[in-house]
C-alpha atoms as a PDB file:
ATOM      1  CA  MET A   1      20.798   9.497-178.813  1.00  0.00           C
ATOM      2  CA  ALA A   2      17.702   8.930-176.240  1.00  0.00           C
ATOM      3  CA  THR A   3      20.500   7.137-173.682  1.00  0.00           C
ATOM      4  CA  THR A   4      22.503  10.555-174.185  1.00  0.00           C
ATOM      5  CA  ASN A   5      20.240  12.452-172.817  1.00  0.00           C
ATOM      6  CA  LEU A   6      19.208  10.809-169.892  1.00  0.00           C
ATOM      7  CA  SER A   7      22.611  10.478-169.159  1.00  0.00           C
ATOM      8  CA  ARG A   8      23.210  14.270-169.059  1.00  0.00           C
ATOM      9  CA  THR A   9      20.060  14.201-167.318  1.00  0.00           C
ATOM     10  CA  LYS A  10      21.371  12.420-164.472  1.00  0.00           C
ATOM     11  CA  VAL A  11      24.328  14.599-164.303  1.00  0.00           C
ATOM     12  CA  ARG A  12      22.196  17.687-163.753  1.00  0.00           C
ATOM     13  CA  SER A  13      20.146  16.011-161.631  1.00  0.00           C
ATOM     14  CA  ALA A  14      23.479  15.013-159.922  1.00  0.00           C
ATOM     15  CA  TRP A  15      25.024  18.148-159.583  1.00  0.00           C
ATOM     16  CA  LEU A  16      21.401  20.198-158.064  1.00  0.00           C
ATOM     17  CA  PHE A  17      21.506  17.775-155.323  1.00  0.00           C
ATOM     18  CA  LEU A  18      25.423  18.705-154.862  1.00  0.00           C
ATOM     19  CA  ALA A  19      25.054  22.247-155.224  1.00  0.00           C
ATOM     20  CA  PRO A  20      24.002  22.999-151.415  1.00  0.00           C
ATOM     21  CA  MET A  21      26.572  21.008-150.031  1.00  0.00           C
ATOM     22  CA  LEU A  22      29.138  22.395-152.583  1.00  0.00           C
ATOM     23  CA  ILE A  23      27.923  25.837-151.270  1.00  0.00           C
ATOM     24  CA  THR A  24      27.979  25.289-147.620  1.00  0.00           C
ATOM     25  CA  LEU A  25      31.409  23.484-148.057  1.00  0.00           C
ATOM     26  CA  ALA A  26      32.397  27.145-149.789  1.00  0.00           C
ATOM     27  CA  LEU A  27      31.694  29.141-147.438  1.00  0.00           C
ATOM     28  CA  VAL A  28      32.161  27.687-143.829  1.00  0.00           C
ATOM     29  CA  ALA A  29      35.926  26.314-145.083  1.00  0.00           C
ATOM     30  CA  GLY A  30      36.738  27.707-148.091  1.00  0.00           C
ATOM     31  CA  TRP A  31      36.690  31.412-147.690  1.00  0.00           C
ATOM     32  CA  PRO A  32      38.027  30.556-144.305  1.00  0.00           C
ATOM     33  CA  LEU A  33      40.903  29.237-145.328  1.00  0.00           C
ATOM     34  CA  VAL A  34      41.155  31.757-148.550  1.00  0.00           C
ATOM     35  CA  ARG A  35      41.111  34.678-145.929  1.00  0.00           C
ATOM     36  CA  THR A  36      43.706  32.514-143.174  1.00  0.00           C
ATOM     37  CA  ILE A  37      46.016  32.279-146.482  1.00  0.00           C
ATOM     38  CA  TRP A  38      46.089  36.265-147.248  1.00  0.00           C
ATOM     39  CA  PHE A  39      46.500  37.279-143.454  1.00  0.00           C
ATOM     40  CA  SER A  40      50.023  34.772-143.645  1.00  0.00           C
ATOM     41  CA  PHE A  41      51.093  37.212-146.535  1.00  0.00           C
ATOM     42  CA  THR A  42      50.180  40.432-144.387  1.00  0.00           C
ATOM     43  CA  ASP A  43      51.445  42.185-141.359  1.00  0.00           C
ATOM     44  CA  ALA A  44      47.976  41.556-139.872  1.00  0.00           C
ATOM     45  CA  LYS A  45      47.622  41.949-135.742  1.00  0.00           C
ATOM     46  CA  LEU A  46      44.324  40.790-134.037  1.00  0.00           C
ATOM     47  CA  ASP A  47      43.873  44.006-132.692  1.00  0.00           C
ATOM     48  CA  ASN A  48      43.998  45.721-135.634  1.00  0.00           C
ATOM     49  CA  LEU A  49      42.654  44.258-138.657  1.00  0.00           C
ATOM     50  CA  ASP A  50      41.327  46.842-140.718  1.00  0.00           C
ATOM     51  CA  ASP A  51      44.917  48.407-141.404  1.00  0.00           C
ATOM     52  CA  ILE A  52      46.794  45.772-142.541  1.00  0.00           C
ATOM     53  CA  LYS A  53      49.733  45.792-145.014  1.00  0.00           C
ATOM     54  CA  PHE A  54      51.287  43.153-147.893  1.00  0.00           C
ATOM     55  CA  ILE A  55      54.292  41.856-146.629  1.00  0.00           C
ATOM     56  CA  GLY A  56      55.330  38.883-149.007  1.00  0.00           C
ATOM     57  CA  PHE A  57      56.658  35.694-147.613  1.00  0.00           C
ATOM     58  CA  ASP A  58      58.129  37.570-144.565  1.00  0.00           C
ATOM     59  CA  ASN A  59      55.891  35.785-142.253  1.00  0.00           C
ATOM     60  CA  PHE A  60      57.546  32.453-143.455  1.00  0.00           C
ATOM     61  CA  PHE A  61      61.202  33.316-144.317  1.00  0.00           C
ATOM     62  CA  SER A  62      62.096  36.201-142.203  1.00  0.00           C
ATOM     63  CA  GLU A  63      64.007  36.500-139.704  1.00  0.00           C
ATOM     64  CA  TYR A  64      61.214  36.161-137.465  1.00  0.00           C
ATOM     65  CA  GLY A  65      59.329  34.135-139.512  1.00  0.00           C
ATOM     66  CA  VAL A  66      58.022  30.680-138.546  1.00  0.00           C
ATOM     67  CA  MET A  67      60.665  28.830-140.324  1.00  0.00           C
ATOM     68  CA  ALA A  68      62.981  30.371-138.240  1.00  0.00           C
ATOM     69  CA  ASP A  69      61.379  29.757-135.055  1.00  0.00           C
ATOM     70  CA  ASP A  70      62.787  26.863-133.217  1.00  0.00           C
ATOM     71  CA  ARG A  71      59.530  26.390-131.322  1.00  0.00           C
ATOM     72  CA  TRP A  72      58.231  25.744-134.761  1.00  0.00           C
ATOM     73  CA  TRP A  73      59.944  22.722-135.428  1.00  0.00           C
ATOM     74  CA  ILE A  74      59.731  21.265-131.724  1.00  0.00           C
ATOM     75  CA  SER A  75      56.195  21.687-132.865  1.00  0.00           C
ATOM     76  CA  VAL A  76      56.662  20.021-136.079  1.00  0.00           C
ATOM     77  CA  LYS A  77      58.607  16.899-134.190  1.00  0.00           C
ATOM     78  CA  ASN A  78      56.204  16.856-131.751  1.00  0.00           C
ATOM     79  CA  THR A  79      53.115  16.399-134.144  1.00  0.00           C
ATOM     80  CA  LEU A  80      54.403  13.815-136.654  1.00  0.00           C
ATOM     81  CA  GLU A  81      56.011  12.270-133.256  1.00  0.00           C
ATOM     82  CA  PHE A  82      52.761  12.015-132.098  1.00  0.00           C
ATOM     83  CA  SER A  83      50.685  11.505-135.237  1.00  0.00           C
ATOM     84  CA  VAL A  84      52.472   7.838-136.010  1.00  0.00           C
ATOM     85  CA  ILE A  85      52.426   6.331-132.997  1.00  0.00           C
ATOM     86  CA  SER A  86      49.316   7.226-131.628  1.00  0.00           C
ATOM     87  CA  VAL A  87      48.175   5.990-135.220  1.00  0.00           C
ATOM     88  CA  ALA A  88      50.032   3.102-135.240  1.00  0.00           C
ATOM     89  CA  LEU A  89      48.930   2.265-132.018  1.00  0.00           C
ATOM     90  CA  GLU A  90      45.078   2.898-132.436  1.00  0.00           C
ATOM     91  CA  THR A  91      45.677   0.563-135.597  1.00  0.00           C
ATOM     92  CA  VAL A  92      46.981  -2.466-133.930  1.00  0.00           C
ATOM     93  CA  LEU A  93      44.525  -2.135-131.086  1.00  0.00           C
ATOM     94  CA  GLY A  94      41.575  -1.416-132.641  1.00  0.00           C
ATOM     95  CA  LEU A  95      41.939  -4.382-135.346  1.00  0.00           C
ATOM     96  CA  ILE A  96      42.486  -6.671-132.201  1.00  0.00           C
ATOM     97  CA  VAL A  97      39.447  -4.924-130.865  1.00  0.00           C
ATOM     98  CA  ALA A  98      37.260  -5.325-133.686  1.00  0.00           C
ATOM     99  CA  LEU A  99      38.116  -8.825-134.153  1.00  0.00           C
ATOM    100  CA  VAL A 100      37.337  -9.945-130.942  1.00  0.00           C
ATOM    101  CA  LEU A 101      34.263  -8.205-131.448  1.00  0.00           C
ATOM    102  CA  ASN A 102      33.200  -9.959-135.133  1.00  0.00           C
ATOM    103  CA  ALA A 103      33.195 -13.444-132.861  1.00  0.00           C
ATOM    104  CA  ASN A 104      30.060 -14.351-131.324  1.00  0.00           C
ATOM    105  CA  PHE A 105      29.907 -14.901-127.578  1.00  0.00           C
ATOM    106  CA  PRO A 106      27.085 -13.852-125.228  1.00  0.00           C
ATOM    107  CA  GLY A 107      26.453  -9.775-124.104  1.00  0.00           C
ATOM    108  CA  ARG A 108      28.144  -8.871-127.308  1.00  0.00           C
ATOM    109  CA  GLY A 109      26.083  -6.151-128.134  1.00  0.00           C
ATOM    110  CA  ILE A 110      26.486  -4.531-124.641  1.00  0.00           C
ATOM    111  CA  VAL A 111      30.704  -4.869-124.941  1.00  0.00           C
ATOM    112  CA  ARG A 112      29.911  -3.441-128.611  1.00  0.00           C
ATOM    113  CA  ALA A 113      28.034  -0.075-127.768  1.00  0.00           C
ATOM    114  CA  ALA A 114      30.463   0.124-124.134  1.00  0.00           C
ATOM    115  CA  ILE A 115      33.259   0.002-125.911  1.00  0.00           C
ATOM    116  CA  LEU A 116      32.525   2.886-128.002  1.00  0.00           C
ATOM    117  CA  VAL A 117      32.029   5.183-124.723  1.00  0.00           C
ATOM    118  CA  PRO A 118      35.616   6.933-124.582  1.00  0.00           C
ATOM    119  CA  TRP A 119      34.766   7.562-128.252  1.00  0.00           C
ATOM    120  CA  ALA A 120      32.152   9.118-127.608  1.00  0.00           C
ATOM    121  CA  ILE A 121      33.052  11.672-124.787  1.00  0.00           C
ATOM    122  CA  PRO A 122      33.868  15.375-125.851  1.00  0.00           C
ATOM    123  CA  THR A 123      37.410  15.305-126.281  1.00  0.00           C
ATOM    124  CA  ILE A 124      37.975  18.532-123.428  1.00  0.00           C
ATOM    125  CA  VAL A 125      35.427  16.607-121.483  1.00  0.00           C
ATOM    126  CA  SER A 126      38.137  13.140-121.540  1.00  0.00           C
ATOM    127  CA  ALA A 127      41.047  15.725-121.478  1.00  0.00           C
ATOM    128  CA  LYS A 128      40.076  17.189-118.441  1.00  0.00           C
ATOM    129  CA  MET A 129      38.854  13.921-116.407  1.00  0.00           C
ATOM    130  CA  TRP A 130      42.121  12.538-117.458  1.00  0.00           C
ATOM    131  CA  ALA A 131      43.942  15.703-115.807  1.00  0.00           C
ATOM    132  CA  TRP A 132      42.667  14.740-113.139  1.00  0.00           C
ATOM    133  CA  MET A 133      42.855  11.118-112.908  1.00  0.00           C
ATOM    134  CA  LEU A 134      46.703  12.094-113.340  1.00  0.00           C
ATOM    135  CA  ASN A 135      46.892  14.663-110.776  1.00  0.00           C
ATOM    136  CA  ASP A 136      50.242  13.850-109.131  1.00  0.00           C
ATOM    137  CA  GLN A 137      48.907  15.247-105.767  1.00  0.00           C
ATOM    138  CA  ASN A 138      45.431  13.087-105.120  1.00  0.00           C
ATOM    139  CA  GLY A 139      44.869  11.462-108.798  1.00  0.00           C
ATOM    140  CA  ILE A 140      43.505   8.240-108.453  1.00  0.00           C
ATOM    141  CA  VAL A 141      46.218   6.737-110.961  1.00  0.00           C
ATOM    142  CA  ASN A 142      48.323   6.978-108.653  1.00  0.00           C
ATOM    143  CA  GLY A 143      46.266   5.945-105.421  1.00  0.00           C
ATOM    144  CA  ILE A 144      46.327   2.953-107.474  1.00  0.00           C
ATOM    145  CA  LEU A 145      49.490   2.383-108.158  1.00  0.00           C
ATOM    146  CA  GLN A 146      50.900   3.414-104.790  1.00  0.00           C
ATOM    147  CA  SER A 147      48.053   0.939-102.841  1.00  0.00           C
ATOM    148  CA  LEU A 148      49.348  -1.933-105.062  1.00  0.00           C
ATOM    149  CA  HIS A 149      52.871  -0.956-104.379  1.00  0.00           C
ATOM    150  CA  ILE A 150      54.152  -0.743-107.615  1.00  0.00           C
ATOM    151  CA  VAL A 151      55.243   2.919-107.255  1.00  0.00           C
ATOM    152  CA  HIS A 152      56.164   4.403-104.179  1.00  0.00           C
ATOM    153  CA  ASP A 153      56.092   8.109-105.345  1.00  0.00           C
ATOM    154  CA  PRO A 154      53.214   9.976-106.989  1.00  0.00           C
ATOM    155  CA  ILE A 155      54.489  10.425-110.623  1.00  0.00           C
ATOM    156  CA  ALA A 156      53.795  13.677-112.123  1.00  0.00           C
ATOM    157  CA  TRP A 157      52.820  12.169-115.548  1.00  0.00           C
ATOM    158  CA  ILE A 158      51.767  15.506-116.864  1.00  0.00           C
ATOM    159  CA  ALA A 159      54.519  18.079-115.283  1.00  0.00           C
ATOM    160  CA  ASN A 160      57.153  15.341-115.967  1.00  0.00           C
ATOM    161  CA  PRO A 161      59.036  16.515-119.297  1.00  0.00           C
ATOM    162  CA  HIS A 162      60.005  12.719-120.002  1.00  0.00           C
ATOM    163  CA  LEU A 163      56.562  11.425-119.135  1.00  0.00           C
ATOM    164  CA  SER A 164      54.173  14.270-120.660  1.00  0.00           C
ATOM    165  CA  PHE A 165      54.472  13.083-124.448  1.00  0.00           C
ATOM    166  CA  TRP A 166      53.591   9.469-123.528  1.00  0.00           C
ATOM    167  CA  THR A 167      50.913  10.667-121.312  1.00  0.00           C
ATOM    168  CA  VAL A 168      49.483  12.041-123.926  1.00  0.00           C
ATOM    169  CA  VAL A 169      49.877   9.343-126.502  1.00  0.00           C
ATOM    170  CA  LEU A 170      48.002   7.214-123.811  1.00  0.00           C
ATOM    171  CA  VAL A 171      45.107   9.470-123.380  1.00  0.00           C
ATOM    172  CA  ASP A 172      44.563   9.987-127.160  1.00  0.00           C
ATOM    173  CA  VAL A 173      44.828   6.390-127.615  1.00  0.00           C
ATOM    174  CA  TRP A 174      42.482   5.161-125.256  1.00  0.00           C
ATOM    175  CA  LYS A 175      39.834   7.722-126.381  1.00  0.00           C
ATOM    176  CA  THR A 176      40.492   6.902-130.453  1.00  0.00           C
ATOM    177  CA  THR A 177      41.166   3.098-130.346  1.00  0.00           C
ATOM    178  CA  PRO A 178      36.782   2.657-130.148  1.00  0.00           C
ATOM    179  CA  PHE A 179      36.798   4.690-133.595  1.00  0.00           C
ATOM    180  CA  MET A 180      39.359   2.454-135.446  1.00  0.00           C
ATOM    181  CA  ALA A 181      37.915  -0.658-133.899  1.00  0.00           C
ATOM    182  CA  LEU A 182      34.306   0.440-135.177  1.00  0.00           C
ATOM    183  CA  LEU A 183      35.814   0.906-139.301  1.00  0.00           C
ATOM    184  CA  SER A 184      37.263  -2.474-139.267  1.00  0.00           C
ATOM    185  CA  LEU A 185      34.725  -3.822-137.594  1.00  0.00           C
ATOM    186  CA  ALA A 186      32.424  -2.684-140.634  1.00  0.00           C
ATOM    187  CA  ALA A 187      34.829  -4.581-142.740  1.00  0.00           C
ATOM    188  CA  LEU A 188      35.103  -7.187-141.354  1.00  0.00           C
ATOM    189  CA  GLN A 189      31.517  -7.909-141.099  1.00  0.00           C
ATOM    190  CA  LEU A 190      31.421  -7.404-145.078  1.00  0.00           C
ATOM    191  CA  LEU A 191      33.931 -10.430-145.392  1.00  0.00           C
ATOM    192  CA  PRO A 192      32.593 -13.603-147.474  1.00  0.00           C
ATOM    193  CA  SER A 193      32.201 -16.432-145.157  1.00  0.00           C
ATOM    194  CA  ASP A 194      33.259 -18.965-147.889  1.00  0.00           C
ATOM    195  CA  CYS A 195      36.555 -18.138-147.679  1.00  0.00           C
ATOM    196  CA  TYR A 196      37.189 -18.816-144.171  1.00  0.00           C
ATOM    197  CA  GLU A 197      35.099 -22.196-144.961  1.00  0.00           C
ATOM    198  CA  ALA A 198      37.162 -23.169-147.366  1.00  0.00           C
ATOM    199  CA  ALA A 199      40.621 -22.276-144.937  1.00  0.00           C
ATOM    200  CA  GLU A 200      39.108 -24.231-142.187  1.00  0.00           C
ATOM    201  CA  VAL A 201      38.195 -27.283-144.959  1.00  0.00           C
ATOM    202  CA  ASP A 202      42.394 -27.323-145.746  1.00  0.00           C
ATOM    203  CA  GLY A 203      43.083 -26.953-142.018  1.00  0.00           C
ATOM    204  CA  ILE A 204      44.691 -23.301-142.570  1.00  0.00           C
ATOM    205  CA  SER A 205      45.347 -21.946-139.347  1.00  0.00           C
ATOM    206  CA  PRO A 206      43.458 -18.521-138.032  1.00  0.00           C
ATOM    207  CA  VAL A 207      46.679 -16.620-137.688  1.00  0.00           C
ATOM    208  CA  LYS A 208      47.529 -17.288-141.507  1.00  0.00           C
ATOM    209  CA  VAL A 209      44.096 -17.128-142.383  1.00  0.00           C
ATOM    210  CA  PHE A 210      44.539 -13.284-141.116  1.00  0.00           C
ATOM    211  CA  PHE A 211      47.554 -12.612-142.762  1.00  0.00           C
ATOM    212  CA  GLN A 212      46.647 -14.197-146.092  1.00  0.00           C
ATOM    213  CA  VAL A 213      42.831 -13.238-146.262  1.00  0.00           C
ATOM    214  CA  THR A 214      41.532 -11.124-143.344  1.00  0.00           C
ATOM    215  CA  LEU A 215      43.862  -8.232-144.075  1.00  0.00           C
ATOM    216  CA  PRO A 216      44.311  -8.084-147.370  1.00  0.00           C
ATOM    217  CA  LEU A 217      40.200  -7.940-147.815  1.00  0.00           C
ATOM    218  CA  ILE A 218      40.198  -5.348-144.967  1.00  0.00           C
ATOM    219  CA  ARG A 219      43.271  -3.188-146.144  1.00  0.00           C
ATOM    220  CA  PRO A 220      41.120  -1.007-148.534  1.00  0.00           C
ATOM    221  CA  ALA A 221      38.753   0.247-145.610  1.00  0.00           C
ATOM    222  CA  LEU A 222      41.554  -0.065-142.706  1.00  0.00           C
ATOM    223  CA  ILE A 223      43.724   2.266-145.449  1.00  0.00           C
ATOM    224  CA  VAL A 224      40.855   4.892-145.535  1.00  0.00           C
ATOM    225  CA  ALA A 225      39.927   4.407-141.392  1.00  0.00           C
ATOM    226  CA  VAL A 226      44.178   5.438-141.244  1.00  0.00           C
ATOM    227  CA  ILE A 227      43.993   8.338-143.143  1.00  0.00           C
ATOM    228  CA  PHE A 228      41.145  10.120-141.321  1.00  0.00           C
ATOM    229  CA  ARG A 229      42.651   8.959-138.155  1.00  0.00           C
ATOM    230  CA  SER A 230      46.051  10.552-139.399  1.00  0.00           C
ATOM    231  CA  LEU A 231      44.225  14.000-140.849  1.00  0.00           C
ATOM    232  CA  ASP A 232      42.225  14.190-137.134  1.00  0.00           C
ATOM    233  CA  ALA A 233      46.168  13.780-135.379  1.00  0.00           C
ATOM    234  CA  LEU A 234      47.943  15.721-137.383  1.00  0.00           C
ATOM    235  CA  ARG A 235      45.761  19.135-135.932  1.00  0.00           C
ATOM    236  CA  ILE A 236      45.083  17.427-132.655  1.00  0.00           C
ATOM    237  CA  PHE A 237      44.781  20.524-130.150  1.00  0.00           C
ATOM    238  CA  ASP A 238      42.162  20.465-127.549  1.00  0.00           C
ATOM    239  CA  LEU A 239      43.872  17.324-126.020  1.00  0.00           C
ATOM    240  CA  ILE A 240      47.015  18.857-125.536  1.00  0.00           C
ATOM    241  CA  TYR A 241      46.206  22.180-124.678  1.00  0.00           C
ATOM    242  CA  VAL A 242      44.320  20.956-122.113  1.00  0.00           C
ATOM    243  CA  LEU A 243      46.580  17.919-120.410  1.00  0.00           C
ATOM    244  CA  THR A 244      49.772  19.956-120.760  1.00  0.00           C
ATOM    245  CA  PRO A 245      49.347  23.803-122.214  1.00  0.00           C
ATOM    246  CA  GLY A 246      52.086  25.665-123.498  1.00  0.00           C
ATOM    247  CA  SER A 247      54.569  22.587-122.941  1.00  0.00           C
ATOM    248  CA  ASP A 248      57.572  22.338-125.246  1.00  0.00           C
ATOM    249  CA  GLN A 249      57.133  18.507-124.503  1.00  0.00           C
ATOM    250  CA  THR A 250      54.015  18.654-125.997  1.00  0.00           C
ATOM    251  CA  ILE A 251      53.646  21.674-128.255  1.00  0.00           C
ATOM    252  CA  THR A 252      51.644  20.786-131.731  1.00  0.00           C
ATOM    253  CA  MET A 253      51.756  22.537-135.006  1.00  0.00           C
ATOM    254  CA  ALA A 254      47.797  23.601-134.171  1.00  0.00           C
ATOM    255  CA  ALA A 255      48.854  24.497-130.452  1.00  0.00           C
ATOM    256  CA  TYR A 256      51.549  26.596-132.134  1.00  0.00           C
ATOM    257  CA  ALA A 257      49.453  28.423-134.400  1.00  0.00           C
ATOM    258  CA  ARG A 258      47.098  29.104-131.891  1.00  0.00           C
ATOM    259  CA  GLU A 259      49.529  30.630-129.454  1.00  0.00           C
ATOM    260  CA  GLN A 260      50.589  33.242-132.184  1.00  0.00           C
ATOM    261  CA  LEU A 261      47.161  34.315-132.751  1.00  0.00           C
ATOM    262  CA  SER A 262      45.528  34.254-129.938  1.00  0.00           C
ATOM    263  CA  ALA A 263      48.520  34.719-127.027  1.00  0.00           C
ATOM    264  CA  ASN A 264      50.789  36.537-129.075  1.00  0.00           C
ATOM    265  CA  GLN A 265      48.126  38.194-130.698  1.00  0.00           C
ATOM    266  CA  ASP A 266      50.328  38.002-134.291  1.00  0.00           C
ATOM    267  CA  PHE A 267      47.681  37.675-137.146  1.00  0.00           C
ATOM    268  CA  GLY A 268      50.249  37.006-139.952  1.00  0.00           C
ATOM    269  CA  MET A 269      52.042  34.625-138.180  1.00  0.00           C
ATOM    270  CA  GLY A 270      49.765  32.663-136.540  1.00  0.00           C
ATOM    271  CA  SER A 271      47.851  32.864-140.351  1.00  0.00           C
ATOM    272  CA  ALA A 272      51.535  31.567-141.340  1.00  0.00           C
ATOM    273  CA  ALA A 273      51.489  28.647-139.249  1.00  0.00           C
ATOM    274  CA  SER A 274      48.023  27.462-140.231  1.00  0.00           C
ATOM    275  CA  THR A 275      49.232  27.673-143.403  1.00  0.00           C
ATOM    276  CA  LEU A 276      51.857  25.431-143.434  1.00  0.00           C
ATOM    277  CA  LEU A 277      49.788  23.288-141.266  1.00  0.00           C
ATOM    278  CA  PHE A 278      47.500  22.964-144.354  1.00  0.00           C
ATOM    279  CA  LEU A 279      50.088  22.414-146.882  1.00  0.00           C
ATOM    280  CA  ILE A 280      52.122  19.677-144.465  1.00  0.00           C
ATOM    281  CA  ILE A 281      48.370  17.767-144.061  1.00  0.00           C
ATOM    282  CA  GLY A 282      47.489  18.054-147.535  1.00  0.00           C
ATOM    283  CA  LEU A 283      51.143  16.824-148.729  1.00  0.00           C
ATOM    284  CA  ILE A 284      51.360  13.940-146.232  1.00  0.00           C
ATOM    285  CA  THR A 285      47.735  12.947-147.237  1.00  0.00           C
ATOM    286  CA  ILE A 286      48.583  12.901-150.871  1.00  0.00           C
ATOM    287  CA  LEU A 287      51.467  10.695-149.644  1.00  0.00           C
ATOM    288  CA  THR A 288      49.186   8.475-148.019  1.00  0.00           C
ATOM    289  CA  LEU A 289      47.044   8.190-151.016  1.00  0.00           C
ATOM    290  CA  MET A 290      49.282   7.171-153.688  1.00  0.00           C
ATOM    291  CA  VAL A 291      51.585   4.870-151.567  1.00  0.00           C
ATOM    292  CA  GLY A 292      48.095   2.856-150.195  1.00  0.00           C
ATOM    293  CA  ARG A 293      47.441   3.418-153.911  1.00  0.00           C
ATOM    294  CA  VAL A 294      43.803   4.144-152.787  1.00  0.00           C
ATOM    295  CA  LYS A 295      41.480   5.347-155.265  1.00  0.00           C
ATOM    296  CA  LEU A 296      39.045   8.107-154.085  1.00  0.00           C
ATOM    297  CA  ALA A 297      36.426   7.430-156.845  1.00  0.00           C
ATOM    298  CA  GLY A 298      36.311   3.303-156.156  1.00  0.00           C
ATOM    299  CA  GLU A 299      38.520   0.547-155.219  1.00  0.00           C
ATOM    300  CA  THR A 300      41.699   0.195-154.069  1.00  0.00           C
ATOM    301  CA  ARG A 301      44.016  -1.073-157.328  1.00  0.00           C
END
């Protein structure tokens, strides 16, 4: 009986401590989400939000709805391609960087701090910096390539429709790989050393140790890192808005929603696009958790 009362007291205390966070989440995230979903079923315009009419699913499935807009499907394709390619590259490169930083070498602390610089720079600042560096008229990247005789003429990295998508991926990989490296490094440092000592005594090659010991042990942390990074990639907006504003080759779902909300002042359509983006991200997150067999309340199965 005493144990039961103690457990109830602990549960009450836990909910008491969680209450401020839950209330804050409901106010800053839950309420705007509910409002956005509501506006997606109305004919709301940005210049007149007081006089709106319920129109059902017209913003989604009508002749002029989001689902009938080719530009929306282009943005879906771009977003999914960008997310898969950038997260895959960042995961592989981040793991390689983490393995290097996990080794003992002189100046390791300085290198660990330096590797985080790209991630610490605000996205808008790094996007503008890369826009200047990749400028086809006076950018430093073209200058270096021409001085090394790698290219003869300046390359329009951002304006060229065949290069702009890969340029955005490159900049995102440069900026976010340190995030994946940091999470992978944290997982590597928690691994027990006796496994590696036993593998060394048995004469197992480092490559075999990595795939049969290291990778399975850090898989839970790696899956969580991939989920976090995928959620961030699926809602990318600022990097693309600065580098290639309005381009069909790089428009994403978030950029499409912003275009409807702000440029076209169609609050209903923009809210419908935002609601679809929310549903797609939620679906992909659930599928990733199921495929990765991740239990949010504990370890992976």
